[in-house]
């Protein structure tokens, strides 16, 4: 199930879910991440005004796993040109990272 990143974080704060993956997060703060109680991966974009890499690096300092994809913009995992091999590669890589995260933590 795909949820907004803010909703996923709220659920993760209260252990209503077993794990979370935030793809190009929106409206998530460092305080939100500090309150998360389940394994959470953050997959972000190099070019993102909503959640810039500087903010995502703060998430990493608080709680673990952050991966910033180069040469992509906010929304790259769902809004990309399939003809663009680079864009498709990074989207597929993020989807694979997400599946691996859930396979590792969701029982």
PDB file of N, CA and C in Angstrom:
ATOM      1  N   UNK A   1       0.845  -1.171   0.000  1.00  0.00           N
ATOM      2  CA  UNK A   1       0.000   0.000   0.000  1.00  0.00           C
ATOM      3  C   UNK A   1       0.892   1.235   0.000  1.00  0.00           C
ATOM      4  N   UNK A   2       0.556   2.212  -0.799  1.00  0.00           N
ATOM      5  CA  UNK A   2       1.311   3.454  -0.865  1.00  0.00           C
ATOM      6  C   UNK A   2       0.529   4.526  -0.112  1.00  0.00           C
ATOM      7  N   UNK A   3       1.203   5.160   0.813  1.00  0.00           N
ATOM      8  CA  UNK A   3       0.606   6.230   1.606  1.00  0.00           C
ATOM      9  C   UNK A   3       1.407   7.500   1.399  1.00  0.00           C
ATOM     10  N   UNK A   4       0.826   8.608   1.758  1.00  0.00           N
ATOM     11  CA  UNK A   4       1.646   9.811   1.755  1.00  0.00           C
ATOM     12  C   UNK A   4       2.742   9.623   2.792  1.00  0.00           C
ATOM     13  N   UNK A   5       3.871  10.274   2.568  1.00  0.00           N
ATOM     14  CA  UNK A   5       4.984  10.086   3.491  1.00  0.00           C
ATOM     15  C   UNK A   5       4.644  10.590   4.887  1.00  0.00           C
ATOM     16  N   UNK A   6       3.889  11.660   4.982  1.00  0.00           N
ATOM     17  CA  UNK A   6       3.522  12.192   6.298  1.00  0.00           C
ATOM     18  C   UNK A   6       2.639  11.189   7.050  1.00  0.00           C
ATOM     19  N   UNK A   7       1.708  10.564   6.358  1.00  0.00           N
ATOM     20  CA  UNK A   7       0.846   9.558   6.994  1.00  0.00           C
ATOM     21  C   UNK A   7       1.682   8.360   7.430  1.00  0.00           C
ATOM     22  N   UNK A   8       2.601   7.913   6.578  1.00  0.00           N
ATOM     23  CA  UNK A   8       3.456   6.775   6.933  1.00  0.00           C
ATOM     24  C   UNK A   8       4.279   7.079   8.183  1.00  0.00           C
ATOM     25  N   UNK A   9       4.787   8.302   8.283  1.00  0.00           N
ATOM     26  CA  UNK A   9       5.572   8.682   9.455  1.00  0.00           C
ATOM     27  C   UNK A   9       4.696   8.698  10.708  1.00  0.00           C
ATOM     28  N   UNK A  10       3.493   9.217  10.595  1.00  0.00           N
ATOM     29  CA  UNK A  10       2.594   9.232  11.751  1.00  0.00           C
ATOM     30  C   UNK A  10       2.285   7.810  12.218  1.00  0.00           C
ATOM     31  N   UNK A  11       2.066   6.896  11.288  1.00  0.00           N
ATOM     32  CA  UNK A  11       1.825   5.492  11.651  1.00  0.00           C
ATOM     33  C   UNK A  11       3.068   4.871  12.288  1.00  0.00           C
ATOM     34  N   UNK A  12       4.244   5.233  11.774  1.00  0.00           N
ATOM     35  CA  UNK A  12       5.502   4.689  12.292  1.00  0.00           C
ATOM     36  C   UNK A  12       5.823   5.199  13.690  1.00  0.00           C
ATOM     37  N   UNK A  13       5.286   6.345  14.061  1.00  0.00           N
ATOM     38  CA  UNK A  13       5.510   6.898  15.402  1.00  0.00           C
ATOM     39  C   UNK A  13       4.830   6.053  16.472  1.00  0.00           C
ATOM     40  N   UNK A  14       3.793   5.368  16.100  1.00  0.00           N
ATOM     41  CA  UNK A  14       3.000   4.628  17.075  1.00  0.00           C
ATOM     42  C   UNK A  14       3.023   3.123  16.824  1.00  0.00           C
ATOM     43  N   UNK A  15       3.938   2.686  15.985  1.00  0.00           N
ATOM     44  CA  UNK A  15       4.114   1.270  15.665  1.00  0.00           C
ATOM     45  C   UNK A  15       2.851   0.612  15.118  1.00  0.00           C
ATOM     46  N   UNK A  16       2.072   1.374  14.359  1.00  0.00           N
ATOM     47  CA  UNK A  16       0.907   0.806  13.678  1.00  0.00           C
ATOM     48  C   UNK A  16       1.324   0.037  12.429  1.00  0.00           C
ATOM     49  N   UNK A  17       2.579   0.226  12.027  1.00  0.00           N
ATOM     50  CA  UNK A  17       3.157  -0.494  10.901  1.00  0.00           C
ATOM     51  C   UNK A  17       4.487  -1.088  11.362  1.00  0.00           C
ATOM     52  N   UNK A  18       5.009  -2.042  10.614  1.00  0.00           N
ATOM     53  CA  UNK A  18       6.272  -2.696  11.003  1.00  0.00           C
ATOM     54  C   UNK A  18       7.498  -2.001  10.439  1.00  0.00           C
ATOM     55  N   UNK A  19       7.355  -1.326   9.330  1.00  0.00           N
ATOM     56  CA  UNK A  19       8.465  -0.634   8.678  1.00  0.00           C
ATOM     57  C   UNK A  19       7.896   0.415   7.725  1.00  0.00           C
ATOM     58  N   UNK A  20       8.755   1.365   7.359  1.00  0.00           N
ATOM     59  CA  UNK A  20       8.319   2.409   6.423  1.00  0.00           C
ATOM     60  C   UNK A  20       9.442   2.729   5.450  1.00  0.00           C
ATOM     61  N   UNK A  21       9.054   3.105   4.248  1.00  0.00           N
ATOM     62  CA  UNK A  21       9.985   3.642   3.258  1.00  0.00           C
ATOM     63  C   UNK A  21       9.377   4.950   2.775  1.00  0.00           C
ATOM     64  N   UNK A  22      10.146   6.011   2.896  1.00  0.00           N
ATOM     65  CA  UNK A  22       9.691   7.323   2.472  1.00  0.00           C
ATOM     66  C   UNK A  22      10.377   7.653   1.157  1.00  0.00           C
ATOM     67  N   UNK A  23       9.606   7.677   0.075  1.00  0.00           N
ATOM     68  CA  UNK A  23      10.120   8.040  -1.238  1.00  0.00           C
ATOM     69  C   UNK A  23       9.839   9.513  -1.464  1.00  0.00           C
ATOM     70  N   UNK A  24      10.874  10.279  -1.739  1.00  0.00           N
ATOM     71  CA  UNK A  24      10.768  11.733  -1.905  1.00  0.00           C
ATOM     72  C   UNK A  24       9.767  12.319  -0.903  1.00  0.00           C
ATOM     73  N   UNK A  25      10.145  12.294   0.395  1.00  0.00           N
ATOM     74  CA  UNK A  25       9.211  12.701   1.446  1.00  0.00           C
ATOM     75  C   UNK A  25       8.759  14.159   1.337  1.00  0.00           C
ATOM     76  N   UNK A  26       7.540  14.381   1.808  1.00  0.00           N
ATOM     77  CA  UNK A  26       6.968  15.726   1.841  1.00  0.00           C
ATOM     78  C   UNK A  26       6.443  16.018   3.242  1.00  0.00           C
ATOM     79  N   UNK A  27       6.713  17.221   3.698  1.00  0.00           N
ATOM     80  CA  UNK A  27       6.156  17.724   4.966  1.00  0.00           C
ATOM     81  C   UNK A  27       6.589  16.907   6.181  1.00  0.00           C
ATOM     82  N   UNK A  28       7.712  16.213   6.075  1.00  0.00           N
ATOM     83  CA  UNK A  28       8.258  15.441   7.194  1.00  0.00           C
ATOM     84  C   UNK A  28       9.387  16.257   7.814  1.00  0.00           C
ATOM     85  N   UNK A  29       9.365  16.362   9.136  1.00  0.00           N
ATOM     86  CA  UNK A  29      10.368  17.167   9.834  1.00  0.00           C
ATOM     87  C   UNK A  29      11.351  16.270  10.588  1.00  0.00           C
ATOM     88  N   UNK A  30      12.427  16.876  11.044  1.00  0.00           N
ATOM     89  CA  UNK A  30      13.394  16.149  11.864  1.00  0.00           C
ATOM     90  C   UNK A  30      12.713  15.645  13.134  1.00  0.00           C
ATOM     91  N   UNK A  31      11.847  16.454  13.727  1.00  0.00           N
ATOM     92  CA  UNK A  31      11.117  16.016  14.929  1.00  0.00           C
ATOM     93  C   UNK A  31      10.236  14.808  14.627  1.00  0.00           C
ATOM     94  N   UNK A  32       9.632  14.767  13.435  1.00  0.00           N
ATOM     95  CA  UNK A  32       8.858  13.585  13.045  1.00  0.00           C
ATOM     96  C   UNK A  32       9.751  12.351  13.045  1.00  0.00           C
ATOM     97  N   UNK A  33      10.910  12.459  12.424  1.00  0.00           N
ATOM     98  CA  UNK A  33      11.818  11.313  12.322  1.00  0.00           C
ATOM     99  C   UNK A  33      12.302  10.882  13.701  1.00  0.00           C
ATOM    100  N   UNK A  34      12.538  11.821  14.582  1.00  0.00           N
ATOM    101  CA  UNK A  34      12.972  11.494  15.950  1.00  0.00           C
ATOM    102  C   UNK A  34      11.937  10.639  16.677  1.00  0.00           C
ATOM    103  N   UNK A  35      10.672  10.797  16.329  1.00  0.00           N
ATOM    104  CA  UNK A  35       9.594  10.087  17.016  1.00  0.00           C
ATOM    105  C   UNK A  35       9.268   8.722  16.405  1.00  0.00           C
ATOM    106  N   UNK A  36       9.872   8.385  15.277  1.00  0.00           N
ATOM    107  CA  UNK A  36       9.585   7.125  14.598  1.00  0.00           C
ATOM    108  C   UNK A  36      10.070   5.948  15.446  1.00  0.00           C
ATOM    109  N   UNK A  37       9.249   4.907  15.518  1.00  0.00           N
ATOM    110  CA  UNK A  37       9.543   3.737  16.344  1.00  0.00           C
ATOM    111  C   UNK A  37       9.811   2.470  15.537  1.00  0.00           C
ATOM    112  N   UNK A  38       9.758   2.540  14.212  1.00  0.00           N
ATOM    113  CA  UNK A  38       9.968   1.354  13.382  1.00  0.00           C
ATOM    114  C   UNK A  38      11.084   1.637  12.371  1.00  0.00           C
ATOM    115  N   UNK A  39      11.714   0.597  11.821  1.00  0.00           N
ATOM    116  CA  UNK A  39      12.756   0.815  10.820  1.00  0.00           C
ATOM    117  C   UNK A  39      12.209   1.624   9.638  1.00  0.00           C
ATOM    118  N   UNK A  40      12.902   2.708   9.316  1.00  0.00           N
ATOM    119  CA  UNK A  40      12.435   3.608   8.270  1.00  0.00           C
ATOM    120  C   UNK A  40      13.581   3.958   7.333  1.00  0.00           C
ATOM    121  N   UNK A  41      13.351   3.758   6.050  1.00  0.00           N
ATOM    122  CA  UNK A  41      14.313   4.154   5.022  1.00  0.00           C
ATOM    123  C   UNK A  41      13.792   5.407   4.338  1.00  0.00           C
ATOM    124  N   UNK A  42      14.698   6.316   4.037  1.00  0.00           N
ATOM    125  CA  UNK A  42      14.347   7.547   3.340  1.00  0.00           C
ATOM    126  C   UNK A  42      15.105   7.552   2.018  1.00  0.00           C
ATOM    127  N   UNK A  43      14.358   7.569   0.922  1.00  0.00           N
ATOM    128  CA  UNK A  43      14.946   7.614  -0.409  1.00  0.00           C
ATOM    129  C   UNK A  43      14.593   8.963  -1.011  1.00  0.00           C
ATOM    130  N   UNK A  44      15.604   9.794  -1.204  1.00  0.00           N
ATOM    131  CA  UNK A  44      15.356  11.157  -1.641  1.00  0.00           C
ATOM    132  C   UNK A  44      16.023  11.502  -2.955  1.00  0.00           C
ATOM    133  N   UNK A  45      15.737  12.697  -3.421  1.00  0.00           N
ATOM    134  CA  UNK A  45      16.231  13.188  -4.706  1.00  0.00           C
ATOM    135  C   UNK A  45      17.288  14.267  -4.499  1.00  0.00           C
ATOM    136  N   UNK A  46      18.239  14.294  -5.404  1.00  0.00           N
ATOM    137  CA  UNK A  46      19.268  15.338  -5.360  1.00  0.00           C
ATOM    138  C   UNK A  46      18.651  16.719  -5.539  1.00  0.00           C
ATOM    139  N   UNK A  47      17.661  16.809  -6.417  1.00  0.00           N
ATOM    140  CA  UNK A  47      17.021  18.091  -6.706  1.00  0.00           C
ATOM    141  C   UNK A  47      15.596  18.068  -6.150  1.00  0.00           C
ATOM    142  N   UNK A  48      15.447  18.571  -4.936  1.00  0.00           N
ATOM    143  CA  UNK A  48      14.139  18.518  -4.280  1.00  0.00           C
ATOM    144  C   UNK A  48      13.996  19.719  -3.366  1.00  0.00           C
ATOM    145  N   UNK A  49      13.151  20.658  -3.741  1.00  0.00           N
ATOM    146  CA  UNK A  49      12.943  21.832  -2.912  1.00  0.00           C
ATOM    147  C   UNK A  49      12.065  21.529  -1.702  1.00  0.00           C
ATOM    148  N   UNK A  50      11.241  20.495  -1.793  1.00  0.00           N
ATOM    149  CA  UNK A  50      10.351  20.137  -0.697  1.00  0.00           C
ATOM    150  C   UNK A  50      11.131  19.458   0.431  1.00  0.00           C
ATOM    151  N   UNK A  51      11.975  18.508   0.064  1.00  0.00           N
ATOM    152  CA  UNK A  51      12.841  17.820   1.029  1.00  0.00           C
ATOM    153  C   UNK A  51      14.257  17.771   0.458  1.00  0.00           C
ATOM    154  N   UNK A  52      14.985  18.868   0.590  1.00  0.00           N
ATOM    155  CA  UNK A  52      16.326  18.933   0.017  1.00  0.00           C
ATOM    156  C   UNK A  52      17.306  17.978   0.714  1.00  0.00           C
ATOM    157  N   UNK A  53      18.376  17.608   0.033  1.00  0.00           N
ATOM    158  CA  UNK A  53      19.363  16.702   0.614  1.00  0.00           C
ATOM    159  C   UNK A  53      19.868  17.140   1.988  1.00  0.00           C
ATOM    160  N   UNK A  54      19.996  18.435   2.228  1.00  0.00           N
ATOM    161  CA  UNK A  54      20.461  18.908   3.539  1.00  0.00           C
ATOM    162  C   UNK A  54      19.507  18.464   4.647  1.00  0.00           C
ATOM    163  N   UNK A  55      18.207  18.506   4.387  1.00  0.00           N
ATOM    164  CA  UNK A  55      17.220  18.047   5.368  1.00  0.00           C
ATOM    165  C   UNK A  55      17.319  16.527   5.540  1.00  0.00           C
ATOM    166  N   UNK A  56      17.435  15.810   4.424  1.00  0.00           N
ATOM    167  CA  UNK A  56      17.511  14.347   4.499  1.00  0.00           C
ATOM    168  C   UNK A  56      18.751  13.895   5.255  1.00  0.00           C
ATOM    169  N   UNK A  57      19.838  14.617   5.137  1.00  0.00           N
ATOM    170  CA  UNK A  57      21.049  14.277   5.893  1.00  0.00           C
ATOM    171  C   UNK A  57      20.803  14.429   7.397  1.00  0.00           C
ATOM    172  N   UNK A  58      19.950  15.380   7.782  1.00  0.00           N
ATOM    173  CA  UNK A  58      19.577  15.505   9.194  1.00  0.00           C
ATOM    174  C   UNK A  58      18.777  14.284   9.640  1.00  0.00           C
ATOM    175  N   UNK A  59      17.926  13.759   8.757  1.00  0.00           N
ATOM    176  CA  UNK A  59      17.181  12.544   9.082  1.00  0.00           C
ATOM    177  C   UNK A  59      18.155  11.409   9.355  1.00  0.00           C
ATOM    178  N   UNK A  60      19.205  11.327   8.547  1.00  0.00           N
ATOM    179  CA  UNK A  60      20.205  10.262   8.687  1.00  0.00           C
ATOM    180  C   UNK A  60      20.895  10.340  10.041  1.00  0.00           C
ATOM    181  N   UNK A  61      21.163  11.548  10.511  1.00  0.00           N
ATOM    182  CA  UNK A  61      21.806  11.735  11.809  1.00  0.00           C
ATOM    183  C   UNK A  61      20.915  11.242  12.938  1.00  0.00           C
ATOM    184  N   UNK A  62      19.611  11.337  12.742  1.00  0.00           N
ATOM    185  CA  UNK A  62      18.649  10.944  13.775  1.00  0.00           C
ATOM    186  C   UNK A  62      18.387   9.444  13.743  1.00  0.00           C
ATOM    187  N   UNK A  63      18.105   8.920  12.548  1.00  0.00           N
ATOM    188  CA  UNK A  63      17.601   7.551  12.507  1.00  0.00           C
ATOM    189  C   UNK A  63      18.002   6.803  11.248  1.00  0.00           C
ATOM    190  N   UNK A  64      19.256   6.620  11.041  1.00  0.00           N
ATOM    191  CA  UNK A  64      19.671   5.602  10.119  1.00  0.00           C
ATOM    192  C   UNK A  64      19.735   5.788   8.635  1.00  0.00           C
ATOM    193  N   UNK A  65      18.891   5.112   7.904  1.00  0.00           N
ATOM    194  CA  UNK A  65      19.106   4.879   6.491  1.00  0.00           C
ATOM    195  C   UNK A  65      18.512   5.966   5.609  1.00  0.00           C
ATOM    196  N   UNK A  66      19.391   6.667   4.912  1.00  0.00           N
ATOM    197  CA  UNK A  66      18.980   7.673   3.938  1.00  0.00           C
ATOM    198  C   UNK A  66      19.808   7.445   2.685  1.00  0.00           C
ATOM    199  N   UNK A  67      19.147   7.454   1.547  1.00  0.00           N
ATOM    200  CA  UNK A  67      19.831   7.326   0.259  1.00  0.00           C
ATOM    201  C   UNK A  67      19.329   8.447  -0.635  1.00  0.00           C
ATOM    202  N   UNK A  68      20.263   9.227  -1.165  1.00  0.00           N
ATOM    203  CA  UNK A  68      19.905  10.334  -2.047  1.00  0.00           C
ATOM    204  C   UNK A  68      20.317   9.955  -3.465  1.00  0.00           C
ATOM    205  N   UNK A  69      19.339   9.943  -4.353  1.00  0.00           N
ATOM    206  CA  UNK A  69      19.578   9.557  -5.738  1.00  0.00           C
ATOM    207  C   UNK A  69      20.040  10.775  -6.545  1.00  0.00           C
ATOM    208  N   UNK A  70      21.132  10.620  -7.297  1.00  0.00           N
ATOM    209  CA  UNK A  70      21.664  11.743  -8.070  1.00  0.00           C
ATOM    210  C   UNK A  70      20.840  12.018  -9.327  1.00  0.00           C
ATOM    211  N   UNK A  71      20.874  13.282  -9.741  1.00  0.00           N
ATOM    212  CA  UNK A  71      20.301  13.700 -11.025  1.00  0.00           C
ATOM    213  C   UNK A  71      18.800  13.473 -11.158  1.00  0.00           C
ATOM    214  N   UNK A  72      18.074  13.380 -10.033  1.00  0.00           N
ATOM    215  CA  UNK A  72      16.620  13.211 -10.096  1.00  0.00           C
ATOM    216  C   UNK A  72      15.951  14.300  -9.263  1.00  0.00           C
ATOM    217  N   UNK A  73      14.658  14.512  -9.532  1.00  0.00           N
ATOM    218  CA  UNK A  73      13.879  15.529  -8.834  1.00  0.00           C
ATOM    219  C   UNK A  73      12.773  14.877  -8.016  1.00  0.00           C
ATOM    220  N   UNK A  74      12.178  15.675  -7.141  1.00  0.00           N
ATOM    221  CA  UNK A  74      11.064  15.205  -6.307  1.00  0.00           C
ATOM    222  C   UNK A  74      10.035  14.471  -7.177  1.00  0.00           C
ATOM    223  N   UNK A  75       9.664  13.278  -6.751  1.00  0.00           N
ATOM    224  CA  UNK A  75       8.662  12.501  -7.472  1.00  0.00           C
ATOM    225  C   UNK A  75       9.234  11.550  -8.503  1.00  0.00           C
ATOM    226  N   UNK A  76      10.557  11.422  -8.552  1.00  0.00           N
ATOM    227  CA  UNK A  76      11.196  10.645  -9.613  1.00  0.00           C
ATOM    228  C   UNK A  76      10.797   9.183  -9.647  1.00  0.00           C
ATOM    229  N   UNK A  77      10.302   8.627  -8.581  1.00  0.00           N
ATOM    230  CA  UNK A  77       9.964   7.194  -8.590  1.00  0.00           C
ATOM    231  C   UNK A  77       8.619   6.910  -9.239  1.00  0.00           C
ATOM    232  N   UNK A  78       7.798   7.946  -9.399  1.00  0.00           N
ATOM    233  CA  UNK A  78       6.480   7.746 -10.014  1.00  0.00           C
ATOM    234  C   UNK A  78       6.255   8.609 -11.247  1.00  0.00           C
ATOM    235  N   UNK A  79       7.014   9.693 -11.352  1.00  0.00           N
ATOM    236  CA  UNK A  79       6.839  10.602 -12.493  1.00  0.00           C
ATOM    237  C   UNK A  79       8.156  10.690 -13.259  1.00  0.00           C
ATOM    238  N   UNK A  80       8.380   9.730 -14.115  1.00  0.00           N
ATOM    239  CA  UNK A  80       9.599   9.743 -14.915  1.00  0.00           C
ATOM    240  C   UNK A  80       9.273   9.287 -16.330  1.00  0.00           C
ATOM    241  N   UNK A  81      10.124   9.662 -17.238  1.00  0.00           N
ATOM    242  CA  UNK A  81       9.976   9.289 -18.629  1.00  0.00           C
ATOM    243  C   UNK A  81      10.609   7.915 -18.814  1.00  0.00           C
ATOM    244  N   UNK A  82       9.813   6.911 -19.110  1.00  0.00           N
ATOM    245  CA  UNK A  82      10.323   5.548 -19.279  1.00  0.00           C
ATOM    246  C   UNK A  82      11.321   5.448 -20.428  1.00  0.00           C
ATOM    247  N   UNK A  83      11.282   6.395 -21.355  1.00  0.00           N
ATOM    248  CA  UNK A  83      12.235   6.417 -22.479  1.00  0.00           C
ATOM    249  C   UNK A  83      13.621   6.883 -22.025  1.00  0.00           C
ATOM    250  N   UNK A  84      13.670   7.583 -20.910  1.00  0.00           N
ATOM    251  CA  UNK A  84      14.944   8.083 -20.367  1.00  0.00           C
ATOM    252  C   UNK A  84      15.572   6.974 -19.531  1.00  0.00           C
ATOM    253  N   UNK A  85      16.607   6.349 -20.081  1.00  0.00           N
ATOM    254  CA  UNK A  85      17.213   5.179 -19.431  1.00  0.00           C
ATOM    255  C   UNK A  85      17.730   5.492 -18.030  1.00  0.00           C
ATOM    256  N   UNK A  86      18.301   6.653 -17.845  1.00  0.00           N
ATOM    257  CA  UNK A  86      18.824   7.033 -16.539  1.00  0.00           C
ATOM    258  C   UNK A  86      17.690   7.204 -15.525  1.00  0.00           C
ATOM    259  N   UNK A  87      16.645   7.904 -15.927  1.00  0.00           N
ATOM    260  CA  UNK A  87      15.503   8.117 -15.029  1.00  0.00           C
ATOM    261  C   UNK A  87      14.851   6.787 -14.661  1.00  0.00           C
ATOM    262  N   UNK A  88      14.664   5.921 -15.643  1.00  0.00           N
ATOM    263  CA  UNK A  88      14.053   4.615 -15.386  1.00  0.00           C
ATOM    264  C   UNK A  88      14.945   3.772 -14.469  1.00  0.00           C
ATOM    265  N   UNK A  89      16.255   3.838 -14.679  1.00  0.00           N
ATOM    266  CA  UNK A  89      17.197   3.075 -13.846  1.00  0.00           C
ATOM    267  C   UNK A  89      17.087   3.488 -12.375  1.00  0.00           C
ATOM    268  N   UNK A  90      17.072   4.803 -12.126  1.00  0.00           N
ATOM    269  CA  UNK A  90      16.992   5.265 -10.742  1.00  0.00           C
ATOM    270  C   UNK A  90      15.638   4.943 -10.115  1.00  0.00           C
ATOM    271  N   UNK A  91      14.565   5.026 -10.871  1.00  0.00           N
ATOM    272  CA  UNK A  91      13.245   4.671 -10.347  1.00  0.00           C
ATOM    273  C   UNK A  91      13.205   3.185 -10.003  1.00  0.00           C
ATOM    274  N   UNK A  92      13.707   2.354 -10.895  1.00  0.00           N
ATOM    275  CA  UNK A  92      13.727   0.906 -10.642  1.00  0.00           C
ATOM    276  C   UNK A  92      14.606   0.573  -9.440  1.00  0.00           C
ATOM    277  N   UNK A  93      15.733   1.264  -9.310  1.00  0.00           N
ATOM    278  CA  UNK A  93      16.620   1.034  -8.167  1.00  0.00           C
ATOM    279  C   UNK A  93      15.907   1.390  -6.858  1.00  0.00           C
ATOM    280  N   UNK A  94      15.198   2.505  -6.847  1.00  0.00           N
ATOM    281  CA  UNK A  94      14.457   2.908  -5.646  1.00  0.00           C
ATOM    282  C   UNK A  94      13.365   1.903  -5.316  1.00  0.00           C
ATOM    283  N   UNK A  95      12.664   1.422  -6.334  1.00  0.00           N
ATOM    284  CA  UNK A  95      11.613   0.420  -6.097  1.00  0.00           C
ATOM    285  C   UNK A  95      12.222  -0.858  -5.530  1.00  0.00           C
ATOM    286  N   UNK A  96      13.378  -1.260  -6.050  1.00  0.00           N
ATOM    287  CA  UNK A  96      14.048  -2.455  -5.531  1.00  0.00           C
ATOM    288  C   UNK A  96      14.504  -2.241  -4.090  1.00  0.00           C
ATOM    289  N   UNK A  97      15.070  -1.073  -3.797  1.00  0.00           N
ATOM    290  CA  UNK A  97      15.469  -0.751  -2.419  1.00  0.00           C
ATOM    291  C   UNK A  97      14.281  -0.837  -1.474  1.00  0.00           C
ATOM    292  N   UNK A  98      13.129  -0.326  -1.920  1.00  0.00           N
ATOM    293  CA  UNK A  98      11.919  -0.357  -1.102  1.00  0.00           C
ATOM    294  C   UNK A  98      11.487  -1.796  -0.826  1.00  0.00           C
ATOM    295  N   UNK A  99      11.456  -2.619  -1.864  1.00  0.00           N
ATOM    296  CA  UNK A  99      11.061  -4.022  -1.689  1.00  0.00           C
ATOM    297  C   UNK A  99      12.007  -4.759  -0.748  1.00  0.00           C
ATOM    298  N   UNK A 100      13.294  -4.510  -0.894  1.00  0.00           N
ATOM    299  CA  UNK A 100      14.283  -5.157  -0.016  1.00  0.00           C
ATOM    300  C   UNK A 100      14.110  -4.715   1.431  1.00  0.00           C
ATOM    301  N   UNK A 101      13.816  -3.436   1.642  1.00  0.00           N
ATOM    302  CA  UNK A 101      13.609  -2.921   3.002  1.00  0.00           C
ATOM    303  C   UNK A 101      12.413  -3.621   3.658  1.00  0.00           C
ATOM    304  N   UNK A 102      11.317  -3.704   2.919  1.00  0.00           N
ATOM    305  CA  UNK A 102      10.140  -4.355   3.472  1.00  0.00           C
ATOM    306  C   UNK A 102      10.371  -5.844   3.683  1.00  0.00           C
ATOM    307  N   UNK A 103      11.067  -6.505   2.775  1.00  0.00           N
ATOM    308  CA  UNK A 103      11.355  -7.937   2.936  1.00  0.00           C
ATOM    309  C   UNK A 103      12.194  -8.176   4.199  1.00  0.00           C
ATOM    310  N   UNK A 104      13.068  -7.242   4.493  1.00  0.00           N
ATOM    311  CA  UNK A 104      13.946  -7.378   5.669  1.00  0.00           C
ATOM    312  C   UNK A 104      13.180  -7.158   6.981  1.00  0.00           C
ATOM    313  N   UNK A 105      12.247  -6.209   7.006  1.00  0.00           N
ATOM    314  CA  UNK A 105      11.641  -5.794   8.278  1.00  0.00           C
ATOM    315  C   UNK A 105      10.190  -6.195   8.503  1.00  0.00           C
ATOM    316  N   UNK A 106       9.468  -6.521   7.459  1.00  0.00           N
ATOM    317  CA  UNK A 106       8.056  -6.863   7.655  1.00  0.00           C
ATOM    318  C   UNK A 106       7.932  -8.381   7.773  1.00  0.00           C
ATOM    319  N   UNK A 107       7.407  -8.808   8.878  1.00  0.00           N
ATOM    320  CA  UNK A 107       7.281 -10.254   9.148  1.00  0.00           C
ATOM    321  C   UNK A 107       5.839 -10.694   9.067  1.00  0.00           C
TER     322      UNK A 107
END
